[in-house]
C-alpha atoms as a PDB file:
ATOM      1  CA  UNK A   1     134.225 124.230  64.790  1.00  0.00           C
ATOM      2  CA  UNK A   2     135.854 121.991  62.189  1.00  0.00           C
ATOM      3  CA  UNK A   3     137.735 123.411  59.264  1.00  0.00           C
ATOM      4  CA  UNK A   4     138.132 120.691  56.684  1.00  0.00           C
ATOM      5  CA  UNK A   5     140.032 120.773  53.445  1.00  0.00           C
ATOM      6  CA  UNK A   6     139.177 117.482  51.809  1.00  0.00           C
ATOM      7  CA  UNK A   7     141.180 118.350  48.694  1.00  0.00           C
ATOM      8  CA  UNK A   8     144.400 119.259  50.497  1.00  0.00           C
ATOM      9  CA  UNK A   9     147.150 117.766  48.292  1.00  0.00           C
ATOM     10  CA  UNK A  10     149.749 117.830  51.096  1.00  0.00           C
ATOM     11  CA  UNK A  11     147.563 115.795  53.446  1.00  0.00           C
ATOM     12  CA  UNK A  12     146.682 113.377  50.649  1.00  0.00           C
ATOM     13  CA  UNK A  13     150.333 112.935  49.704  1.00  0.00           C
ATOM     14  CA  UNK A  14     151.312 112.445  53.337  1.00  0.00           C
ATOM     15  CA  UNK A  15     148.585 109.845  53.853  1.00  0.00           C
ATOM     16  CA  UNK A  16     149.676 107.911  50.749  1.00  0.00           C
ATOM     17  CA  UNK A  17     153.330 108.184  51.784  1.00  0.00           C
ATOM     18  CA  UNK A  18     152.475 106.808  55.237  1.00  0.00           C
ATOM     19  CA  UNK A  19     150.608 103.891  53.676  1.00  0.00           C
ATOM     20  CA  UNK A  20     153.513 103.180  51.302  1.00  0.00           C
ATOM     21  CA  UNK A  21     156.028 103.351  54.164  1.00  0.00           C
ATOM     22  CA  UNK A  22     153.944 100.938  56.234  1.00  0.00           C
ATOM     23  CA  UNK A  23     153.884  98.490  53.321  1.00  0.00           C
ATOM     24  CA  UNK A  24     157.668  98.725  52.846  1.00  0.00           C
ATOM     25  CA  UNK A  25     158.313  98.419  56.586  1.00  0.00           C
ATOM     26  CA  UNK A  26     155.945  95.446  56.821  1.00  0.00           C
ATOM     27  CA  UNK A  27     157.822  93.708  54.021  1.00  0.00           C
ATOM     28  CA  UNK A  28     161.123  94.521  55.740  1.00  0.00           C
ATOM     29  CA  UNK A  29     159.880  93.067  59.030  1.00  0.00           C
ATOM     30  CA  UNK A  30     158.781  89.912  57.232  1.00  0.00           C
ATOM     31  CA  UNK A  31     162.124  89.533  55.464  1.00  0.00           C
ATOM     32  CA  UNK A  32     164.211  90.054  58.611  1.00  0.00           C
ATOM     33  CA  UNK A  33     162.059  87.731  60.715  1.00  0.00           C
ATOM     34  CA  UNK A  34     162.157  85.001  58.062  1.00  0.00           C
ATOM     35  CA  UNK A  35     165.881  85.342  57.239  1.00  0.00           C
ATOM     36  CA  UNK A  36     167.161  85.045  60.813  1.00  0.00           C
ATOM     37  CA  UNK A  37     166.131  81.420  61.445  1.00  0.00           C
ATOM     38  CA  UNK A  38     167.271  80.420  57.956  1.00  0.00           C
ATOM     39  CA  UNK A  39     170.750  81.816  58.594  1.00  0.00           C
ATOM     40  CA  UNK A  40     170.992  80.411  62.096  1.00  0.00           C
ATOM     41  CA  UNK A  41     169.824  76.956  61.009  1.00  0.00           C
ATOM     42  CA  UNK A  42     172.157  76.935  57.985  1.00  0.00           C
ATOM     43  CA  UNK A  43     175.343  78.399  59.440  1.00  0.00           C
ATOM     44  CA  UNK A  44     177.579  75.906  57.670  1.00  0.00           C
ATOM     45  CA  UNK A  45     175.997  76.601  54.265  1.00  0.00           C
ATOM     46  CA  UNK A  46     176.314  80.373  54.767  1.00  0.00           C
ATOM     47  CA  UNK A  47     179.988  79.980  55.722  1.00  0.00           C
ATOM     48  CA  UNK A  48     180.644  77.625  52.797  1.00  0.00           C
ATOM     49  CA  UNK A  49     179.072  80.097  50.351  1.00  0.00           C
ATOM     50  CA  UNK A  50     181.199  82.954  51.671  1.00  0.00           C
ATOM     51  CA  UNK A  51     184.347  80.840  51.416  1.00  0.00           C
ATOM     52  CA  UNK A  52     183.320  79.820  47.886  1.00  0.00           C
ATOM     53  CA  UNK A  53     182.963  83.521  47.040  1.00  0.00           C
ATOM     54  CA  UNK A  54     186.581  83.999  48.140  1.00  0.00           C
ATOM     55  CA  UNK A  55     185.920  85.715  51.446  1.00  0.00           C
ATOM     56  CA  UNK A  56     188.063  84.765  54.413  1.00  0.00           C
ATOM     57  CA  UNK A  57     185.685  84.735  57.338  1.00  0.00           C
ATOM     58  CA  UNK A  58     185.428  84.189  61.033  1.00  0.00           C
ATOM     59  CA  UNK A  59     182.220  82.151  61.111  1.00  0.00           C
ATOM     60  CA  UNK A  60     181.607  82.542  64.839  1.00  0.00           C
ATOM     61  CA  UNK A  61     181.906  86.337  64.641  1.00  0.00           C
ATOM     62  CA  UNK A  62     179.709  86.447  61.558  1.00  0.00           C
ATOM     63  CA  UNK A  63     176.914  84.312  63.020  1.00  0.00           C
ATOM     64  CA  UNK A  64     177.102  86.090  66.396  1.00  0.00           C
ATOM     65  CA  UNK A  65     176.859  89.464  64.667  1.00  0.00           C
ATOM     66  CA  UNK A  66     173.885  88.335  62.597  1.00  0.00           C
ATOM     67  CA  UNK A  67     172.182  86.773  65.634  1.00  0.00           C
ATOM     68  CA  UNK A  68     172.478  90.083  67.493  1.00  0.00           C
ATOM     69  CA  UNK A  69     171.803  92.497  64.627  1.00  0.00           C
ATOM     70  CA  UNK A  70     168.757  90.968  62.938  1.00  0.00           C
ATOM     71  CA  UNK A  71     166.428  90.823  65.981  1.00  0.00           C
ATOM     72  CA  UNK A  72     167.307  94.412  66.857  1.00  0.00           C
ATOM     73  CA  UNK A  73     166.757  95.463  63.246  1.00  0.00           C
ATOM     74  CA  UNK A  74     163.337  93.787  63.413  1.00  0.00           C
ATOM     75  CA  UNK A  75     162.540  95.769  66.578  1.00  0.00           C
ATOM     76  CA  UNK A  76     163.622  98.997  64.865  1.00  0.00           C
ATOM     77  CA  UNK A  77     161.419  98.202  61.862  1.00  0.00           C
ATOM     78  CA  UNK A  78     158.433  97.463  64.116  1.00  0.00           C
ATOM     79  CA  UNK A  79     159.053 100.754  65.940  1.00  0.00           C
ATOM     80  CA  UNK A  80     159.268 102.614  62.630  1.00  0.00           C
ATOM     81  CA  UNK A  81     156.032 100.946  61.480  1.00  0.00           C
ATOM     82  CA  UNK A  82     154.279 102.046  64.665  1.00  0.00           C
ATOM     83  CA  UNK A  83     155.742 105.562  64.280  1.00  0.00           C
ATOM     84  CA  UNK A  84     154.388 105.867  60.731  1.00  0.00           C
ATOM     85  CA  UNK A  85     151.019 104.451  61.828  1.00  0.00           C
ATOM     86  CA  UNK A  86     150.730 107.134  64.506  1.00  0.00           C
ATOM     87  CA  UNK A  87     151.717 109.781  61.967  1.00  0.00           C
ATOM     88  CA  UNK A  88     148.913 108.577  59.709  1.00  0.00           C
ATOM     89  CA  UNK A  89     146.438 108.842  62.585  1.00  0.00           C
ATOM     90  CA  UNK A  90     147.543 112.436  63.221  1.00  0.00           C
ATOM     91  CA  UNK A  91     147.180 113.244  59.519  1.00  0.00           C
ATOM     92  CA  UNK A  92     143.635 111.829  59.668  1.00  0.00           C
ATOM     93  CA  UNK A  93     142.705 114.231  62.470  1.00  0.00           C
ATOM     94  CA  UNK A  94     144.187 117.153  60.541  1.00  0.00           C
ATOM     95  CA  UNK A  95     142.086 116.156  57.535  1.00  0.00           C
ATOM     96  CA  UNK A  96     139.020 116.032  59.775  1.00  0.00           C
ATOM     97  CA  UNK A  97     139.823 119.575  60.929  1.00  0.00           C
ATOM     98  CA  UNK A  98     140.392 118.689  64.581  1.00  0.00           C
ATOM     99  CA  UNK A  99     144.100 118.048  65.266  1.00  0.00           C
ATOM    100  CA  UNK A 100     144.325 119.623  68.743  1.00  0.00           C
ATOM    101  CA  UNK A 101     143.015 116.665  70.680  1.00  0.00           C
ATOM    102  CA  UNK A 102     144.601 114.870  73.634  1.00  0.00           C
ATOM    103  CA  UNK A 103     145.009 111.691  71.550  1.00  0.00           C
ATOM    104  CA  UNK A 104     147.369 113.521  69.184  1.00  0.00           C
ATOM    105  CA  UNK A 105     149.435 114.765  72.116  1.00  0.00           C
ATOM    106  CA  UNK A 106     149.694 111.138  73.255  1.00  0.00           C
ATOM    107  CA  UNK A 107     150.599 110.039  69.735  1.00  0.00           C
ATOM    108  CA  UNK A 108     153.342 112.652  69.441  1.00  0.00           C
ATOM    109  CA  UNK A 109     154.766 111.687  72.836  1.00  0.00           C
ATOM    110  CA  UNK A 110     154.750 108.003  71.824  1.00  0.00           C
ATOM    111  CA  UNK A 111     156.427 108.935  68.533  1.00  0.00           C
ATOM    112  CA  UNK A 112     159.104 110.753  70.545  1.00  0.00           C
ATOM    113  CA  UNK A 113     159.767 107.653  72.666  1.00  0.00           C
ATOM    114  CA  UNK A 114     159.822 105.468  69.559  1.00  0.00           C
ATOM    115  CA  UNK A 115     162.304 107.792  67.847  1.00  0.00           C
ATOM    116  CA  UNK A 116     164.503 107.750  70.968  1.00  0.00           C
ATOM    117  CA  UNK A 117     164.383 103.947  71.190  1.00  0.00           C
ATOM    118  CA  UNK A 118     165.289 103.650  67.516  1.00  0.00           C
ATOM    119  CA  UNK A 119     168.212 106.025  68.021  1.00  0.00           C
ATOM    120  CA  UNK A 120     169.471 104.052  71.013  1.00  0.00           C
ATOM    121  CA  UNK A 121     169.141 100.720  69.194  1.00  0.00           C
ATOM    122  CA  UNK A 122     171.334 101.986  66.367  1.00  0.00           C
ATOM    123  CA  UNK A 123     174.334 101.758  68.716  1.00  0.00           C
ATOM    124  CA  UNK A 124     174.254  97.997  69.381  1.00  0.00           C
ATOM    125  CA  UNK A 125     173.150  97.372  65.792  1.00  0.00           C
ATOM    126  CA  UNK A 126     176.174  99.332  64.586  1.00  0.00           C
ATOM    127  CA  UNK A 127     178.464  97.345  66.868  1.00  0.00           C
ATOM    128  CA  UNK A 128     176.993  94.061  65.582  1.00  0.00           C
ATOM    129  CA  UNK A 129     177.433  95.214  61.985  1.00  0.00           C
ATOM    130  CA  UNK A 130     181.035  96.147  62.787  1.00  0.00           C
ATOM    131  CA  UNK A 131     181.525  92.625  64.150  1.00  0.00           C
ATOM    132  CA  UNK A 132     180.088  91.191  60.939  1.00  0.00           C
ATOM    133  CA  UNK A 133     182.412  93.439  58.922  1.00  0.00           C
ATOM    134  CA  UNK A 134     185.412  92.207  60.904  1.00  0.00           C
ATOM    135  CA  UNK A 135     184.321  88.606  60.354  1.00  0.00           C
ATOM    136  CA  UNK A 136     184.430  89.113  56.584  1.00  0.00           C
ATOM    137  CA  UNK A 137     188.007  90.260  55.930  1.00  0.00           C
ATOM    138  CA  UNK A 138     187.469  92.223  52.746  1.00  0.00           C
ATOM    139  CA  UNK A 139     184.780  94.373  54.343  1.00  0.00           C
ATOM    140  CA  UNK A 140     185.630  97.983  55.097  1.00  0.00           C
ATOM    141  CA  UNK A 141     187.188  98.330  58.534  1.00  0.00           C
ATOM    142  CA  UNK A 142     186.057 101.935  59.029  1.00  0.00           C
ATOM    143  CA  UNK A 143     182.524 101.047  60.153  1.00  0.00           C
ATOM    144  CA  UNK A 144     181.400 103.994  62.277  1.00  0.00           C
ATOM    145  CA  UNK A 145     178.971 103.706  65.154  1.00  0.00           C
ATOM    146  CA  UNK A 146     177.226 106.646  66.774  1.00  0.00           C
ATOM    147  CA  UNK A 147     174.041 108.554  67.379  1.00  0.00           C
ATOM    148  CA  UNK A 148     172.445 110.623  64.648  1.00  0.00           C
ATOM    149  CA  UNK A 149     172.177 114.281  65.650  1.00  0.00           C
ATOM    150  CA  UNK A 150     169.112 114.900  63.469  1.00  0.00           C
ATOM    151  CA  UNK A 151     167.382 111.892  65.031  1.00  0.00           C
ATOM    152  CA  UNK A 152     167.980 113.313  68.494  1.00  0.00           C
ATOM    153  CA  UNK A 153     166.632 116.692  67.365  1.00  0.00           C
ATOM    154  CA  UNK A 154     163.538 114.880  66.040  1.00  0.00           C
ATOM    155  CA  UNK A 155     163.029 113.332  69.485  1.00  0.00           C
ATOM    156  CA  UNK A 156     163.139 116.755  71.132  1.00  0.00           C
ATOM    157  CA  UNK A 157     160.794 118.292  68.548  1.00  0.00           C
ATOM    158  CA  UNK A 158     158.266 115.491  69.027  1.00  0.00           C
ATOM    159  CA  UNK A 159     158.237 115.914  72.814  1.00  0.00           C
ATOM    160  CA  UNK A 160     157.805 119.680  72.464  1.00  0.00           C
ATOM    161  CA  UNK A 161     155.026 119.243  69.884  1.00  0.00           C
ATOM    162  CA  UNK A 162     153.298 116.789  72.215  1.00  0.00           C
ATOM    163  CA  UNK A 163     153.210 119.466  74.909  1.00  0.00           C
ATOM    164  CA  UNK A 164     152.015 122.075  72.440  1.00  0.00           C
ATOM    165  CA  UNK A 165     149.193 119.802  71.272  1.00  0.00           C
ATOM    166  CA  UNK A 166     148.232 118.964  74.865  1.00  0.00           C
ATOM    167  CA  UNK A 167     148.139 122.667  75.765  1.00  0.00           C
ATOM    168  CA  UNK A 168     146.180 123.461  72.571  1.00  0.00           C
ATOM    169  CA  UNK A 169     143.631 120.764  73.367  1.00  0.00           C
ATOM    170  CA  UNK A 170     143.245 122.050  76.927  1.00  0.00           C
ATOM    171  CA  UNK A 171     142.858 125.648  75.718  1.00  0.00           C
ATOM    172  CA  UNK A 172     140.227 124.607  73.185  1.00  0.00           C
ATOM    173  CA  UNK A 173     138.272 122.657  75.818  1.00  0.00           C
ATOM    174  CA  UNK A 174     138.459 125.638  78.143  1.00  0.00           C
ATOM    175  CA  UNK A 175     137.256 127.966  75.378  1.00  0.00           C
ATOM    176  CA  UNK A 176     134.397 125.655  74.441  1.00  0.00           C
ATOM    177  CA  UNK A 177     133.397 125.490  78.108  1.00  0.00           C
ATOM    178  CA  UNK A 178     133.072 129.287  78.332  1.00  0.00           C
ATOM    179  CA  UNK A 179     131.012 129.706  75.151  1.00  0.00           C
END
């Protein structure tokens, strides 16, 4: 039995928000992927511009930090894009009135792994950003690096929800088999 609410404003807003986030993340991926080779191929020009702007820099530390940070940032953005895509697919099944399906349990589990990977990548990204900050002397030296507690809670919630959805799908199949 499907219970649909085609005029559900929350689902509509969530679907539009997911689409908007995917657009923004796609643009971000494009910018990061296109900026990295430009910076790496024009290291001298980047250094000269920073010196011209009055910043005392350590060019090697700056370029090394950028070379490490930008690819990882691109990976994080791709992971976030995939996360939002899966969220949109779950919202679609809710709109169709049939969210307790094994595919949604798989999606939630994948979203949990993506959220964990993003959390873990923030550590080396933070270290690379700290290296960049040290390379540019007038940058703040109190760059903090660490895991986000709310992000870790999100990971746990997603894994638990994945199990709940898997159990709900199994219960529904069992119920439909007895009717």
